[in-house]
PDB file of N, CA and C in Angstrom:
ATOM      1  N   MET A   1      57.477  67.730  55.936  1.00  0.00           N
ATOM      2  CA  MET A   1      57.717  68.360  57.376  1.00  0.00           C
ATOM      3  C   MET A   1      58.844  69.184  57.443  1.00  0.00           C
ATOM      4  N   ASP A   2      58.962  70.323  57.802  1.00  0.00           N
ATOM      5  CA  ASP A   2      60.280  71.119  58.163  1.00  0.00           C
ATOM      6  C   ASP A   2      61.050  70.433  59.399  1.00  0.00           C
ATOM      7  N   ARG A   3      62.068  69.798  59.161  1.00  0.00           N
ATOM      8  CA  ARG A   3      62.703  69.308  60.643  1.00  0.00           C
ATOM      9  C   ARG A   3      63.267  70.269  61.552  1.00  0.00           C
ATOM     10  N   ALA A   4      63.494  71.444  60.768  1.00  0.00           N
ATOM     11  CA  ALA A   4      63.897  72.694  61.788  1.00  0.00           C
ATOM     12  C   ALA A   4      62.936  73.166  62.665  1.00  0.00           C
ATOM     13  N   SER A   5      61.597  73.085  62.358  1.00  0.00           N
ATOM     14  CA  SER A   5      60.631  73.618  63.341  1.00  0.00           C
ATOM     15  C   SER A   5      59.770  72.269  63.897  1.00  0.00           C
ATOM     16  N   ALA A   6      60.141  71.226  63.503  1.00  0.00           N
ATOM     17  CA  ALA A   6      59.452  70.141  64.313  1.00  0.00           C
ATOM     18  C   ALA A   6      59.670  70.385  65.853  1.00  0.00           C
ATOM     19  N   VAL A   7      58.561  69.848  66.479  1.00  0.00           N
ATOM     20  CA  VAL A   7      58.623  69.720  68.045  1.00  0.00           C
ATOM     21  C   VAL A   7      58.743  68.268  68.663  1.00  0.00           C
ATOM     22  N   VAL A   8      59.418  68.105  69.285  1.00  0.00           N
ATOM     23  CA  VAL A   8      59.594  66.845  70.119  1.00  0.00           C
ATOM     24  C   VAL A   8      58.115  66.538  70.976  1.00  0.00           C
ATOM     25  N   VAL A   9      57.368  65.566  70.636  1.00  0.00           N
ATOM     26  CA  VAL A   9      56.099  65.254  71.556  1.00  0.00           C
ATOM     27  C   VAL A   9      56.302  63.995  72.409  1.00  0.00           C
ATOM     28  N   GLU A  10      57.480  63.203  72.261  1.00  0.00           N
ATOM     29  CA  GLU A  10      57.640  62.117  73.223  1.00  0.00           C
ATOM     30  C   GLU A  10      59.083  61.532  72.913  1.00  0.00           C
ATOM     31  N   SER A  11      59.630  61.156  73.818  1.00  0.00           N
ATOM     32  CA  SER A  11      60.955  60.681  74.065  1.00  0.00           C
ATOM     33  C   SER A  11      60.771  59.154  74.462  1.00  0.00           C
ATOM     34  N   PHE A  12      61.820  58.436  73.550  1.00  0.00           N
ATOM     35  CA  PHE A  12      61.688  56.923  73.830  1.00  0.00           C
ATOM     36  C   PHE A  12      63.083  56.079  74.313  1.00  0.00           C
ATOM     37  N   SER A  13      63.224  55.101  74.930  1.00  0.00           N
ATOM     38  CA  SER A  13      64.547  54.417  75.055  1.00  0.00           C
ATOM     39  C   SER A  13      64.658  53.449  74.076  1.00  0.00           C
ATOM     40  N   ASP A  14      63.984  53.318  73.352  1.00  0.00           N
ATOM     41  CA  ASP A  14      64.168  52.517  72.014  1.00  0.00           C
ATOM     42  C   ASP A  14      63.470  52.861  70.669  1.00  0.00           C
ATOM     43  N   LYS A  15      64.461  52.513  69.753  1.00  0.00           N
ATOM     44  CA  LYS A  15      63.878  53.037  68.303  1.00  0.00           C
ATOM     45  C   LYS A  15      62.568  52.299  67.959  1.00  0.00           C
ATOM     46  N   VAL A  16      62.552  51.007  68.203  1.00  0.00           N
ATOM     47  CA  VAL A  16      61.177  50.269  67.712  1.00  0.00           C
ATOM     48  C   VAL A  16      59.964  50.907  68.351  1.00  0.00           C
ATOM     49  N   PHE A  17      59.957  51.484  69.697  1.00  0.00           N
ATOM     50  CA  PHE A  17      58.812  51.681  70.111  1.00  0.00           C
ATOM     51  C   PHE A  17      58.620  53.213  69.433  1.00  0.00           C
ATOM     52  N   ALA A  18      59.620  54.169  69.128  1.00  0.00           N
ATOM     53  CA  ALA A  18      59.142  55.273  68.602  1.00  0.00           C
ATOM     54  C   ALA A  18      58.928  55.077  67.277  1.00  0.00           C
ATOM     55  N   GLU A  19      59.302  54.094  66.571  1.00  0.00           N
ATOM     56  CA  GLU A  19      58.929  53.826  65.027  1.00  0.00           C
ATOM     57  C   GLU A  19      57.416  53.341  65.113  1.00  0.00           C
ATOM     58  N   ALA A  20      56.934  52.559  66.313  1.00  0.00           N
ATOM     59  CA  ALA A  20      55.607  51.953  66.336  1.00  0.00           C
ATOM     60  C   ALA A  20      54.679  53.109  66.517  1.00  0.00           C
ATOM     61  N   ALA A  21      55.161  54.311  67.394  1.00  0.00           N
ATOM     62  CA  ALA A  21      54.252  55.393  67.806  1.00  0.00           C
ATOM     63  C   ALA A  21      54.175  56.198  66.541  1.00  0.00           C
ATOM     64  N   ALA A  22      55.176  56.424  65.629  1.00  0.00           N
ATOM     65  CA  ALA A  22      55.361  57.290  64.427  1.00  0.00           C
ATOM     66  C   ALA A  22      54.088  56.757  63.472  1.00  0.00           C
ATOM     67  N   GLU A  23      54.194  55.277  63.461  1.00  0.00           N
ATOM     68  CA  GLU A  23      53.048  54.742  62.485  1.00  0.00           C
ATOM     69  C   GLU A  23      51.954  54.757  62.964  1.00  0.00           C
ATOM     70  N   PHE A  24      51.497  54.842  64.151  1.00  0.00           N
ATOM     71  CA  PHE A  24      50.125  55.075  64.896  1.00  0.00           C
ATOM     72  C   PHE A  24      49.783  56.562  64.723  1.00  0.00           C
ATOM     73  N   LEU A  25      50.716  57.452  64.761  1.00  0.00           N
ATOM     74  CA  LEU A  25      50.446  58.715  64.316  1.00  0.00           C
ATOM     75  C   LEU A  25      49.964  58.968  62.900  1.00  0.00           C
ATOM     76  N   ALA A  26      50.885  58.229  61.863  1.00  0.00           N
ATOM     77  CA  ALA A  26      50.644  57.993  60.532  1.00  0.00           C
ATOM     78  C   ALA A  26      49.147  57.690  60.148  1.00  0.00           C
ATOM     79  N   THR A  27      48.594  56.520  60.950  1.00  0.00           N
ATOM     80  CA  THR A  27      47.279  56.362  60.798  1.00  0.00           C
ATOM     81  C   THR A  27      46.170  57.302  61.066  1.00  0.00           C
ATOM     82  N   GLU A  28      46.570  58.331  61.825  1.00  0.00           N
ATOM     83  CA  GLU A  28      45.685  59.449  62.170  1.00  0.00           C
ATOM     84  C   GLU A  28      46.159  60.411  61.335  1.00  0.00           C
ATOM     85  N   GLY A  29      46.888  60.509  60.228  1.00  0.00           N
ATOM     86  CA  GLY A  29      47.040  61.511  59.269  1.00  0.00           C
ATOM     87  C   GLY A  29      48.274  62.620  59.890  1.00  0.00           C
ATOM     88  N   ILE A  30      48.940  62.169  60.818  1.00  0.00           N
ATOM     89  CA  ILE A  30      50.119  63.204  61.473  1.00  0.00           C
ATOM     90  C   ILE A  30      51.359  62.098  61.067  1.00  0.00           C
ATOM     91  N   GLU A  31      52.173  63.111  60.260  1.00  0.00           N
ATOM     92  CA  GLU A  31      53.277  63.074  59.743  1.00  0.00           C
ATOM     93  C   GLU A  31      54.383  63.139  61.015  1.00  0.00           C
ATOM     94  N   ALA A  32      55.177  62.191  61.118  1.00  0.00           N
ATOM     95  CA  ALA A  32      56.434  62.457  62.411  1.00  0.00           C
ATOM     96  C   ALA A  32      57.489  61.848  62.036  1.00  0.00           C
ATOM     97  N   LEU A  33      58.530  62.374  62.684  1.00  0.00           N
ATOM     98  CA  LEU A  33      59.886  61.945  62.398  1.00  0.00           C
ATOM     99  C   LEU A  33      60.525  61.197  63.746  1.00  0.00           C
ATOM    100  N   VAL A  34      61.239  60.277  63.567  1.00  0.00           N
ATOM    101  CA  VAL A  34      61.906  59.515  64.582  1.00  0.00           C
ATOM    102  C   VAL A  34      63.464  59.853  64.419  1.00  0.00           C
ATOM    103  N   VAL A  35      63.976  60.551  65.456  1.00  0.00           N
ATOM    104  CA  VAL A  35      65.435  61.091  65.436  1.00  0.00           C
ATOM    105  C   VAL A  35      65.960  60.438  66.628  1.00  0.00           C
ATOM    106  N   SER A  36      67.155  59.777  66.359  1.00  0.00           N
ATOM    107  CA  SER A  36      68.274  59.214  67.308  1.00  0.00           C
ATOM    108  C   SER A  36      69.399  59.491  67.014  1.00  0.00           C
ATOM    109  N   ASP A  37      70.409  59.391  67.961  1.00  0.00           N
ATOM    110  CA  ASP A  37      71.536  59.694  67.698  1.00  0.00           C
ATOM    111  C   ASP A  37      72.529  58.280  68.095  1.00  0.00           C
ATOM    112  N   ASP A  38      72.583  57.343  67.379  1.00  0.00           N
ATOM    113  CA  ASP A  38      72.898  56.036  67.650  1.00  0.00           C
ATOM    114  C   ASP A  38      74.259  55.647  66.783  1.00  0.00           C
ATOM    115  N   ALA A  39      74.894  56.518  66.144  1.00  0.00           N
ATOM    116  CA  ALA A  39      76.086  56.242  65.166  1.00  0.00           C
ATOM    117  C   ALA A  39      75.416  55.517  64.037  1.00  0.00           C
ATOM    118  N   GLY A  40      74.232  56.151  63.289  1.00  0.00           N
ATOM    119  CA  GLY A  40      73.910  55.525  62.210  1.00  0.00           C
ATOM    120  C   GLY A  40      73.500  53.943  62.373  1.00  0.00           C
ATOM    121  N   GLY A  41      73.212  53.529  63.568  1.00  0.00           N
ATOM    122  CA  GLY A  41      72.557  52.207  64.093  1.00  0.00           C
ATOM    123  C   GLY A  41      73.677  51.335  64.441  1.00  0.00           C
ATOM    124  N   VAL A  42      75.028  51.700  64.198  1.00  0.00           N
ATOM    125  CA  VAL A  42      76.145  50.898  64.915  1.00  0.00           C
ATOM    126  C   VAL A  42      76.204  50.878  66.310  1.00  0.00           C
ATOM    127  N   LEU A  43      75.718  51.532  67.197  1.00  0.00           N
ATOM    128  CA  LEU A  43      75.706  51.905  68.807  1.00  0.00           C
ATOM    129  C   LEU A  43      74.159  51.858  69.212  1.00  0.00           C
ATOM    130  N   PRO A  44      73.464  50.907  69.066  1.00  0.00           N
ATOM    131  CA  PRO A  44      71.855  51.187  69.376  1.00  0.00           C
ATOM    132  C   PRO A  44      71.714  51.279  70.910  1.00  0.00           C
ATOM    133  N   ASN A  45      72.734  51.144  71.663  1.00  0.00           N
ATOM    134  CA  ASN A  45      72.668  51.174  73.247  1.00  0.00           C
ATOM    135  C   ASN A  45      72.523  52.901  73.657  1.00  0.00           C
ATOM    136  N   LEU A  46      73.102  53.607  72.424  1.00  0.00           N
ATOM    137  CA  LEU A  46      72.993  55.054  72.750  1.00  0.00           C
ATOM    138  C   LEU A  46      71.742  55.570  72.740  1.00  0.00           C
ATOM    139  N   ASP A  47      70.688  54.653  71.939  1.00  0.00           N
ATOM    140  CA  ASP A  47      69.274  55.116  72.162  1.00  0.00           C
ATOM    141  C   ASP A  47      68.695  55.078  73.515  1.00  0.00           C
ATOM    142  N   PHE A  48      69.073  54.076  74.289  1.00  0.00           N
ATOM    143  CA  PHE A  48      68.611  54.136  75.592  1.00  0.00           C
ATOM    144  C   PHE A  48      69.161  55.149  76.561  1.00  0.00           C
ATOM    145  N   ALA A  49      70.469  55.475  76.234  1.00  0.00           N
ATOM    146  CA  ALA A  49      71.172  56.491  77.095  1.00  0.00           C
ATOM    147  C   ALA A  49      70.775  57.849  76.959  1.00  0.00           C
ATOM    148  N   ARG A  50      70.720  58.219  75.347  1.00  0.00           N
ATOM    149  CA  ARG A  50      70.279  59.602  74.945  1.00  0.00           C
ATOM    150  C   ARG A  50      68.766  59.865  74.744  1.00  0.00           C
ATOM    151  N   GLY A  51      67.972  58.813  74.420  1.00  0.00           N
ATOM    152  CA  GLY A  51      66.485  58.509  74.038  1.00  0.00           C
ATOM    153  C   GLY A  51      66.520  58.870  72.600  1.00  0.00           C
ATOM    154  N   VAL A  52      65.275  58.475  72.180  1.00  0.00           N
ATOM    155  CA  VAL A  52      64.898  58.451  70.494  1.00  0.00           C
ATOM    156  C   VAL A  52      63.467  59.572  70.759  1.00  0.00           C
ATOM    157  N   ARG A  53      63.856  60.729  69.820  1.00  0.00           N
ATOM    158  CA  ARG A  53      62.644  61.648  69.920  1.00  0.00           C
ATOM    159  C   ARG A  53      61.812  61.483  68.662  1.00  0.00           C
ATOM    160  N   LEU A  54      60.427  61.593  69.052  1.00  0.00           N
ATOM    161  CA  LEU A  54      59.361  61.706  68.074  1.00  0.00           C
ATOM    162  C   LEU A  54      59.169  63.101  67.868  1.00  0.00           C
ATOM    163  N   MET A  55      59.131  63.243  66.654  1.00  0.00           N
ATOM    164  CA  MET A  55      58.797  64.836  66.404  1.00  0.00           C
ATOM    165  C   MET A  55      57.821  65.062  65.468  1.00  0.00           C
ATOM    166  N   VAL A  56      56.678  66.228  65.429  1.00  0.00           N
ATOM    167  CA  VAL A  56      55.648  66.508  64.568  1.00  0.00           C
ATOM    168  C   VAL A  56      55.790  67.851  64.392  1.00  0.00           C
ATOM    169  N   ALA A  57      55.108  68.269  63.384  1.00  0.00           N
ATOM    170  CA  ALA A  57      55.057  69.490  62.830  1.00  0.00           C
ATOM    171  C   ALA A  57      54.247  70.463  64.141  1.00  0.00           C
ATOM    172  N   PRO A  58      54.653  71.813  64.336  1.00  0.00           N
ATOM    173  CA  PRO A  58      53.840  72.705  65.363  1.00  0.00           C
ATOM    174  C   PRO A  58      52.128  72.533  65.290  1.00  0.00           C
ATOM    175  N   PRO A  59      51.532  72.420  64.422  1.00  0.00           N
ATOM    176  CA  PRO A  59      50.210  72.323  64.169  1.00  0.00           C
ATOM    177  C   PRO A  59      49.715  71.086  64.766  1.00  0.00           C
ATOM    178  N   ASP A  60      50.601  70.134  64.572  1.00  0.00           N
ATOM    179  CA  ASP A  60      50.159  68.707  64.995  1.00  0.00           C
ATOM    180  C   ASP A  60      50.354  68.240  66.552  1.00  0.00           C
ATOM    181  N   VAL A  61      50.900  69.183  67.282  1.00  0.00           N
ATOM    182  CA  VAL A  61      51.553  68.574  68.715  1.00  0.00           C
ATOM    183  C   VAL A  61      50.455  68.302  69.599  1.00  0.00           C
ATOM    184  N   GLU A  62      49.508  69.423  69.666  1.00  0.00           N
ATOM    185  CA  GLU A  62      48.581  68.858  70.839  1.00  0.00           C
ATOM    186  C   GLU A  62      47.747  67.737  70.450  1.00  0.00           C
ATOM    187  N   ARG A  63      47.451  67.351  69.180  1.00  0.00           N
ATOM    188  CA  ARG A  63      46.767  66.289  68.970  1.00  0.00           C
ATOM    189  C   ARG A  63      47.398  65.011  68.932  1.00  0.00           C
ATOM    190  N   ALA A  64      49.074  64.979  68.432  1.00  0.00           N
ATOM    191  CA  ALA A  64      49.664  63.999  68.836  1.00  0.00           C
ATOM    192  C   ALA A  64      49.933  63.425  70.114  1.00  0.00           C
ATOM    193  N   ARG A  65      49.967  64.323  71.002  1.00  0.00           N
ATOM    194  CA  ARG A  65      50.193  64.130  72.392  1.00  0.00           C
ATOM    195  C   ARG A  65      48.889  63.704  73.011  1.00  0.00           C
ATOM    196  N   GLY A  66      47.794  63.995  72.444  1.00  0.00           N
ATOM    197  CA  GLY A  66      46.497  63.280  72.954  1.00  0.00           C
ATOM    198  C   GLY A  66      46.388  61.953  72.513  1.00  0.00           C
ATOM    199  N   ILE A  67      46.839  61.667  71.337  1.00  0.00           N
ATOM    200  CA  ILE A  67      46.897  60.347  70.764  1.00  0.00           C
ATOM    201  C   ILE A  67      47.681  59.441  71.476  1.00  0.00           C
ATOM    202  N   LEU A  68      48.868  60.081  71.758  1.00  0.00           N
ATOM    203  CA  LEU A  68      49.953  59.125  72.549  1.00  0.00           C
ATOM    204  C   LEU A  68      49.727  59.228  73.795  1.00  0.00           C
ATOM    205  N   ALA A  69      48.845  59.684  74.547  1.00  0.00           N
ATOM    206  CA  ALA A  69      48.631  59.938  76.102  1.00  0.00           C
ATOM    207  C   ALA A  69      48.249  58.511  76.425  1.00  0.00           C
ATOM    208  N   PRO A  70      48.749  58.054  77.603  1.00  0.00           N
ATOM    209  CA  PRO A  70      48.570  56.839  78.045  1.00  0.00           C
ATOM    210  C   PRO A  70      47.166  56.897  78.586  1.00  0.00           C
ATOM    211  N   VAL A  71      46.212  55.818  78.517  1.00  0.00           N
ATOM    212  CA  VAL A  71      44.816  55.830  78.907  1.00  0.00           C
ATOM    213  C   VAL A  71      45.046  55.868  80.612  1.00  0.00           C
ATOM    214  N   GLU A  72      44.367  56.731  81.268  1.00  0.00           N
ATOM    215  CA  GLU A  72      44.348  56.475  82.814  1.00  0.00           C
ATOM    216  C   GLU A  72      43.292  55.920  83.581  1.00  0.00           C
ATOM    217  N   ASP A  73      42.198  55.745  82.773  1.00  0.00           N
ATOM    218  CA  ASP A  73      40.894  55.089  83.410  1.00  0.00           C
ATOM    219  C   ASP A  73      40.294  54.014  82.472  1.00  0.00           C
ATOM    220  N   VAL A  74      40.843  52.926  82.605  1.00  0.00           N
ATOM    221  CA  VAL A  74      40.025  51.955  81.562  1.00  0.00           C
ATOM    222  C   VAL A  74      38.626  51.766  81.639  1.00  0.00           C
ATOM    223  N   GLU A  75      38.154  51.745  82.929  1.00  0.00           N
ATOM    224  CA  GLU A  75      36.821  51.536  83.048  1.00  0.00           C
ATOM    225  C   GLU A  75      35.860  52.523  82.528  1.00  0.00           C
ATOM    226  N   THR A  76      36.423  53.857  82.365  1.00  0.00           N
ATOM    227  CA  THR A  76      35.704  54.946  81.764  1.00  0.00           C
ATOM    228  C   THR A  76      35.465  54.627  80.297  1.00  0.00           C
ATOM    229  N   LEU A  77      36.496  53.930  79.673  1.00  0.00           N
ATOM    230  CA  LEU A  77      36.387  53.424  78.105  1.00  0.00           C
ATOM    231  C   LEU A  77      35.403  52.693  78.229  1.00  0.00           C
ATOM    232  N   ASP A  78      35.119  51.659  78.947  1.00  0.00           N
ATOM    233  CA  ASP A  78      34.117  50.622  78.946  1.00  0.00           C
ATOM    234  C   ASP A  78      32.837  51.272  79.114  1.00  0.00           C
ATOM    235  N   ASP A  79      32.612  52.074  79.629  1.00  0.00           N
ATOM    236  CA  ASP A  79      31.424  52.593  80.017  1.00  0.00           C
ATOM    237  C   ASP A  79      30.807  53.449  78.643  1.00  0.00           C
ATOM    238  N   GLU A  80      31.579  53.845  77.777  1.00  0.00           N
ATOM    239  CA  GLU A  80      31.201  54.840  76.429  1.00  0.00           C
ATOM    240  C   GLU A  80      30.566  54.180  75.545  1.00  0.00           C
TER     241      GLU A  80
END
C-alpha cells in the first residue's frame, strides 16, 4: 500500500486497539497501516494525546469503515 495515498478510517487512543483493528481488517483481506507519533514507543502517552491512526488504501475505505462500525442494534443481529 502506498502510504502517501492511504486514508484514515479510524483513530484510537491506544496503539493496542489500533493494531487489533488492523488485524481484524486483515482477516477480511484489507491491508491497514497503524500510524502513531509516540517517539518510537518511548512516549506511549502521546498516543492518547495525539491519537493512533488506522489507514487503508482509498479503494478499501468504505468497506473498512463498514467492518469497523459499531453495531447499533444487537437485537437485529439476533433476528438474522
